[in-house]
Protein backbone atom coordinates (compact mmCIF):
# COMPACT_ATOMS: atom_id res chain seq x y z
CA MET A 1 -4.64 39.34 2.88
CA ASP A 2 -1.52 41.34 3.71
CA LEU A 3 0.82 43.03 1.24
CA ASP A 4 3.76 40.80 2.22
CA SER A 5 1.83 37.68 1.15
CA LEU A 6 0.87 39.34 -2.12
CA GLN A 7 4.49 40.26 -2.79
CA ILE A 8 5.56 36.64 -2.19
CA PHE A 9 2.75 35.33 -4.43
CA LYS A 10 3.68 37.78 -7.20
CA ALA A 11 7.35 36.76 -7.00
CA VAL A 12 6.44 33.08 -7.43
CA VAL A 13 4.42 33.97 -10.55
CA ASP A 14 7.14 36.25 -11.92
CA TYR A 15 10.02 33.79 -11.39
CA GLY A 16 8.16 30.53 -12.03
CA SER A 17 9.09 28.58 -8.89
CA ILE A 18 9.40 28.62 -5.11
CA THR A 19 13.19 28.29 -5.41
CA ASN A 20 13.61 31.29 -7.71
CA ALA A 21 11.20 33.45 -5.67
CA ALA A 22 13.04 32.59 -2.43
CA ALA A 23 16.35 33.60 -3.99
CA GLN A 24 14.98 36.93 -5.24
CA LEU A 25 13.31 37.77 -1.92
CA HIS A 26 16.22 36.48 0.22
CA ARG A 27 13.94 34.09 2.12
CA VAL A 28 14.08 30.38 2.86
CA GLN A 29 12.04 28.17 0.53
CA SER A 30 9.94 26.72 3.34
CA ASN A 31 8.71 30.21 4.26
CA ILE A 32 7.65 30.91 0.66
CA THR A 33 5.85 27.55 0.44
CA THR A 34 4.01 28.12 3.73
CA ARG A 35 2.90 31.66 2.78
CA VAL A 36 1.54 30.52 -0.59
CA LYS A 37 -0.38 27.62 0.99
CA ASN A 38 -1.79 29.92 3.69
CA LEU A 39 -2.96 32.34 0.99
CA GLU A 40 -4.68 29.54 -0.93
CA GLU A 41 -6.39 28.28 2.24
CA ARG A 42 -7.56 31.80 3.12
CA LEU A 43 -9.03 32.35 -0.34
CA GLY A 44 -10.32 28.80 -0.76
CA VAL A 45 -8.86 28.40 -4.26
CA ALA A 46 -5.81 26.84 -5.89
CA LEU A 47 -3.61 29.67 -7.15
CA PHE A 48 -1.17 27.45 -9.07
CA HIS A 49 -1.08 24.35 -11.23
CA ARG A 50 1.79 22.24 -9.87
CA GLN A 51 3.72 20.26 -12.48
CA GLY A 52 6.87 18.79 -11.09
CA GLY A 53 8.96 21.63 -9.70
CA LYS A 54 7.28 24.27 -11.88
CA LEU A 55 4.30 26.39 -10.85
CA THR A 56 1.96 28.06 -13.35
CA PRO A 57 -0.84 30.31 -12.17
CA SER A 58 -4.42 29.04 -12.36
CA ASP A 59 -7.24 31.25 -13.65
CA GLU A 60 -7.82 32.38 -10.06
CA GLY A 61 -4.09 32.95 -9.70
CA LEU A 62 -4.00 35.16 -12.78
CA LEU A 63 -6.91 37.22 -11.44
CA LEU A 64 -5.21 37.66 -8.07
CA TYR A 65 -1.97 38.58 -9.86
CA GLN A 66 -3.71 41.55 -11.52
CA TYR A 67 -5.00 42.79 -8.16
CA ALA A 68 -1.66 42.15 -6.48
CA GLU A 69 0.11 44.35 -9.04
CA LYS A 70 -2.36 47.19 -8.44
CA LEU A 71 -2.27 46.94 -4.64
CA LEU A 72 1.51 46.76 -4.44
CA ARG A 73 1.85 49.71 -6.83
CA LEU A 74 -0.62 51.77 -4.77
CA SER A 75 1.28 50.87 -1.63
CA ILE A 76 4.50 52.22 -3.13
CA GLU A 77 2.75 55.36 -4.35
CA ALA A 78 1.21 56.01 -0.94
CA GLU A 79 4.53 55.54 0.87
CA THR A 80 6.34 57.79 -1.62
CA ALA A 81 3.69 60.51 -1.38
CA LEU A 82 3.75 60.51 2.42
CA LYS A 83 7.53 60.56 2.59
CA ARG A 84 7.83 63.53 0.25
CA GLY A 85 4.86 65.28 1.87
CA THR A 86 2.86 65.85 -1.31
CA LEU A 87 -0.89 66.26 -1.12
CA GLN A 88 -2.98 63.94 -3.29
CA GLY A 89 -6.57 62.85 -3.69
CA VAL A 90 -9.94 64.42 -4.51
CA LEU A 91 -11.24 67.68 -3.10
CA ARG A 92 -15.05 67.95 -3.41
CA ILE A 93 -16.03 71.48 -2.53
CA GLY A 94 -19.37 73.26 -2.79
CA THR A 95 -19.87 76.74 -4.15
CA LEU A 96 -22.50 79.33 -4.90
CA GLU A 97 -22.95 80.24 -8.57
CA SER A 98 -21.81 83.78 -7.78
CA THR A 99 -18.60 82.61 -6.08
CA ALA A 100 -17.79 80.22 -8.91
CA ALA A 101 -18.38 82.92 -11.54
CA ALA A 102 -16.48 85.79 -9.96
CA ARG A 103 -14.05 84.53 -7.31
CA LEU A 104 -12.75 81.00 -7.78
CA ALA A 105 -10.72 81.14 -11.01
CA PRO A 106 -7.57 82.80 -9.56
CA LEU A 107 -7.88 80.84 -6.31
CA LEU A 108 -8.16 77.43 -8.00
CA SER A 109 -5.40 78.30 -10.46
CA SER A 110 -2.86 79.07 -7.73
CA TYR A 111 -4.06 76.09 -5.67
CA HIS A 112 -3.46 73.76 -8.63
CA GLU A 113 0.07 75.12 -9.03
CA ARG A 114 0.84 74.28 -5.41
CA PHE A 115 -0.99 70.93 -5.31
CA PRO A 116 -1.07 69.50 -8.87
CA ASP A 117 -1.93 66.00 -7.61
CA VAL A 118 -5.20 67.11 -5.97
CA GLN A 119 -8.24 66.65 -8.20
CA ILE A 120 -10.84 69.37 -7.56
CA GLU A 121 -14.56 68.67 -8.00
CA LEU A 122 -16.92 71.65 -7.71
CA VAL A 123 -20.54 71.18 -6.64
CA SER A 124 -22.79 74.20 -7.14
CA GLY A 125 -26.02 74.94 -5.31
CA SER A 126 -27.88 77.30 -2.99
CA THR A 127 -26.64 78.09 0.50
CA ASP A 128 -29.20 75.77 2.11
CA ALA A 129 -28.46 72.89 -0.27
CA LEU A 130 -24.71 73.22 0.21
CA ILE A 131 -25.00 73.32 4.01
CA ALA A 132 -27.02 70.09 3.90
CA GLN A 133 -24.30 68.42 1.81
CA VAL A 134 -21.59 69.58 4.21
CA HIS A 135 -23.52 68.11 7.17
CA ARG A 136 -23.95 64.79 5.32
CA GLY A 137 -20.26 64.65 4.47
CA ASP A 138 -20.95 64.64 0.71
CA ILE A 139 -18.54 67.53 0.28
CA GLU A 140 -15.46 68.58 2.24
CA ALA A 141 -16.52 72.22 2.63
CA ALA A 142 -18.55 74.89 0.85
CA PHE A 143 -18.51 78.57 -0.06
CA ILE A 144 -21.77 80.11 1.18
CA SER A 145 -23.03 83.61 1.93
CA ASP A 146 -24.82 85.36 4.76
CA PRO A 147 -27.36 84.84 6.14
CA PHE A 148 -27.07 81.20 7.24
CA THR A 149 -27.35 79.12 10.41
CA VAL A 150 -23.97 78.22 11.90
CA ALA A 151 -25.16 75.31 14.07
CA GLY A 152 -22.82 72.37 13.59
CA LEU A 153 -20.47 74.33 11.35
CA ASP A 154 -17.06 75.93 11.59
CA CYS A 155 -16.45 78.82 9.22
CA GLN A 156 -13.83 81.15 7.81
CA GLU A 157 -14.71 84.49 6.18
CA VAL A 158 -13.16 84.69 2.72
CA PHE A 159 -14.82 87.36 0.55
CA VAL A 160 -17.00 90.45 0.90
CA GLU A 161 -19.53 91.08 -1.87
CA GLU A 162 -21.34 94.32 -2.75
CA LEU A 163 -24.91 93.62 -3.82
CA VAL A 164 -26.69 95.94 -6.25
CA LEU A 165 -30.26 96.20 -7.50
CA VAL A 166 -30.37 95.38 -11.20
CA VAL A 167 -33.06 96.89 -13.47
CA ALA A 168 -33.58 97.35 -17.22
CA LYS A 169 -31.69 100.19 -18.91
CA ASN A 170 -34.90 102.14 -19.61
CA SER A 171 -36.63 101.24 -16.33
CA PRO A 172 -38.14 104.18 -14.39
CA ILE A 173 -37.28 102.44 -11.09
CA ALA A 174 -35.05 104.65 -8.96
CA ASN A 175 -35.72 103.50 -5.37
CA ALA A 176 -37.30 100.76 -3.24
CA ARG A 177 -40.78 102.33 -3.31
CA ALA A 178 -40.89 101.97 -7.08
CA LEU A 179 -40.61 98.19 -6.70
CA GLN A 180 -44.21 97.86 -5.47
CA GLY A 181 -45.89 95.23 -7.66
CA ALA A 182 -42.68 94.44 -9.59
CA THR A 183 -41.61 90.94 -10.62
CA ILE A 184 -38.58 89.65 -8.73
CA ILE A 185 -36.14 87.45 -10.65
CA ALA A 186 -34.05 85.18 -8.43
CA PHE A 187 -32.68 81.72 -7.80
CA SER A 188 -34.89 79.15 -6.09
CA ARG A 189 -35.61 79.22 -2.36
CA GLY A 190 -32.54 78.51 -0.25
CA CYS A 191 -30.52 81.21 -2.02
CA SER A 192 -28.99 83.70 0.43
CA PHE A 193 -29.30 86.67 -1.91
CA ARG A 194 -32.97 85.94 -2.52
CA ARG A 195 -33.48 85.87 1.25
CA ILE A 196 -31.76 89.24 1.54
CA LEU A 197 -33.92 90.76 -1.21
CA GLU A 198 -37.18 89.43 0.23
CA SER A 199 -36.24 90.58 3.73
CA TRP A 200 -35.38 94.07 2.45
CA LEU A 201 -38.65 94.36 0.54
CA GLN A 202 -40.59 93.21 3.59
CA THR A 203 -38.85 95.85 5.72
CA CYS A 204 -39.83 98.47 3.14
CA GLU A 205 -43.40 97.06 3.12
CA ILE A 206 -43.09 96.27 -0.57
CA VAL A 207 -45.03 93.33 -1.99
CA PRO A 208 -43.79 92.02 -5.36
CA THR A 209 -46.27 90.67 -7.91
CA ARG A 210 -44.45 87.38 -8.33
CA VAL A 211 -41.04 85.69 -8.19
CA LEU A 212 -39.57 84.30 -11.39
CA GLU A 213 -37.04 81.57 -10.57
CA LEU A 214 -34.05 81.05 -12.88
CA ALA A 215 -30.89 78.98 -12.56
CA SER A 216 -28.09 81.25 -13.82
CA TYR A 217 -26.98 84.83 -13.44
CA HIS A 218 -26.70 85.31 -17.19
CA ALA A 219 -30.33 84.24 -17.64
CA ILE A 220 -31.38 86.55 -14.81
CA ALA A 221 -29.53 89.50 -16.38
CA VAL A 222 -31.06 88.86 -19.81
CA CYS A 223 -34.59 88.77 -18.36
CA VAL A 224 -33.93 91.96 -16.38
CA ALA A 225 -32.62 93.63 -19.55
CA ALA A 226 -35.82 92.64 -21.35
CA GLY A 227 -37.89 94.37 -18.67
CA THR A 228 -39.30 91.15 -17.21
CA GLY A 229 -38.41 92.12 -13.63
CA VAL A 230 -35.68 93.20 -11.23
CA ALA A 231 -32.99 91.29 -9.34
CA ILE A 232 -30.09 91.69 -6.97
CA MET A 233 -26.64 90.27 -7.58
CA PRO A 234 -23.05 90.94 -6.55
CA GLN A 235 -21.27 93.70 -8.45
CA SER A 236 -18.41 91.26 -9.05
CA VAL A 237 -20.77 88.89 -10.89
CA LEU A 238 -22.06 91.65 -13.17
CA LYS A 239 -18.47 92.18 -14.29
CA ALA A 240 -17.56 88.48 -14.46
CA VAL A 241 -20.48 87.44 -16.70
CA ASN A 242 -20.08 90.58 -18.84
CA VAL A 243 -23.67 91.85 -18.58
CA GLU A 244 -23.01 95.36 -17.26
CA SER A 245 -23.89 96.85 -20.65
CA LEU A 246 -27.29 95.14 -20.68
CA VAL A 247 -28.68 96.47 -17.40
CA ARG A 248 -28.57 99.36 -14.97
CA SER A 249 -27.40 98.79 -11.39
CA LEU A 250 -28.68 100.79 -8.44
CA PRO A 251 -27.04 100.96 -5.00
CA LEU A 252 -28.69 99.25 -2.04
CA PRO A 253 -28.64 100.44 1.58
CA PRO A 254 -25.25 99.60 3.18
CA LYS A 255 -26.80 97.13 5.65
CA VAL A 256 -28.31 95.24 2.72
CA ALA A 257 -25.53 95.61 0.20
CA ARG A 258 -22.52 94.29 2.11
CA VAL A 259 -22.55 90.48 2.23
CA ARG A 260 -19.81 88.15 3.46
CA THR A 261 -18.94 84.84 1.84
CA HIS A 262 -17.60 82.09 4.12
CA LEU A 263 -15.97 78.72 3.73
CA VAL A 264 -17.85 76.31 6.04
CA TRP A 265 -17.15 72.74 7.17
CA ARG A 266 -18.46 70.36 9.85
CA ASN A 267 -17.57 71.12 13.47
CA GLY A 268 -14.38 69.30 14.40
CA HIS A 269 -13.71 68.01 10.88
CA GLU A 270 -10.03 68.11 9.98
CA SER A 271 -8.09 66.90 6.97
CA ARG A 272 -4.91 67.86 5.16
CA VAL A 273 -6.82 68.83 2.03
CA LEU A 274 -9.24 71.05 3.98
CA GLN A 275 -6.34 72.76 5.74
CA SER A 276 -4.62 73.34 2.40
CA VAL A 277 -7.70 75.16 1.08
CA ARG A 278 -7.97 77.28 4.22
CA ASP A 279 -4.29 78.20 3.97
CA GLU A 280 -4.69 79.14 0.30
CA LEU A 281 -7.69 81.37 1.11
CA ALA A 282 -5.82 83.06 3.96
CA TRP A 283 -2.84 83.74 1.67
CA HIS A 284 -5.08 85.26 -1.01
CA ARG A 285 -6.82 87.47 1.53
CA ARG A 286 -3.50 88.79 2.85
CA ALA A 287 -2.27 89.42 -0.67
CA SER A 288 -5.39 91.30 -1.81
């Protein structure tokens, strides 16, 4: 069912006859008649009630008319958008909670100014969960942090985070050794920062008593402030969620503290919307 046939069908409905439609479309009447009959044969329904020289749409014809209007309008919109080079559609992009909280607001604001017709959908999750969604094609790309496996992925470094150890204000903890037997508060397994913390503790031969899993940085900070346990989080997140006054942050060794955030996408995957995000990130990095 091509758009030309739908345009002819719609004209017959709009102008009430083959003769009037032919005049409006600058076509011969026989061509209009043939195209309408071919459309009816293809669909297996009568699209018009024929009474003398006048045609009125049947119930099936009225239903097709509604779809024809939509399809023809979309066709015009698509042609107009391509000719003027505007970017449209939906951008589904994954993000870590930390990146969403501390980094994305200025980026998405400037992106929306440049591409107001792109609808952005954010999907949050752990690094492992987001990588799985990228591989499945559920999301266009994702913001994830080291460490992660790059197999099957292309990536672009976008941010550098400074991790700190977060303890209660009155906690006596001053170094890694004092963490022996402490409770660790973290996101669920698959979180990059949790992996970093557990690896660091293992290197220091520190064994925590247990791991308390929570789903937000604010909840983690509140539990740390109450003396429930300790956590690590980016310094930028401490500022963004306004919990610096509740806790005390301690520096981590440089090799542990410095963590890169990347935008990742499937090997070989290309699209205009993905390229627009990469360009926006590159511009922000140059400007910072």
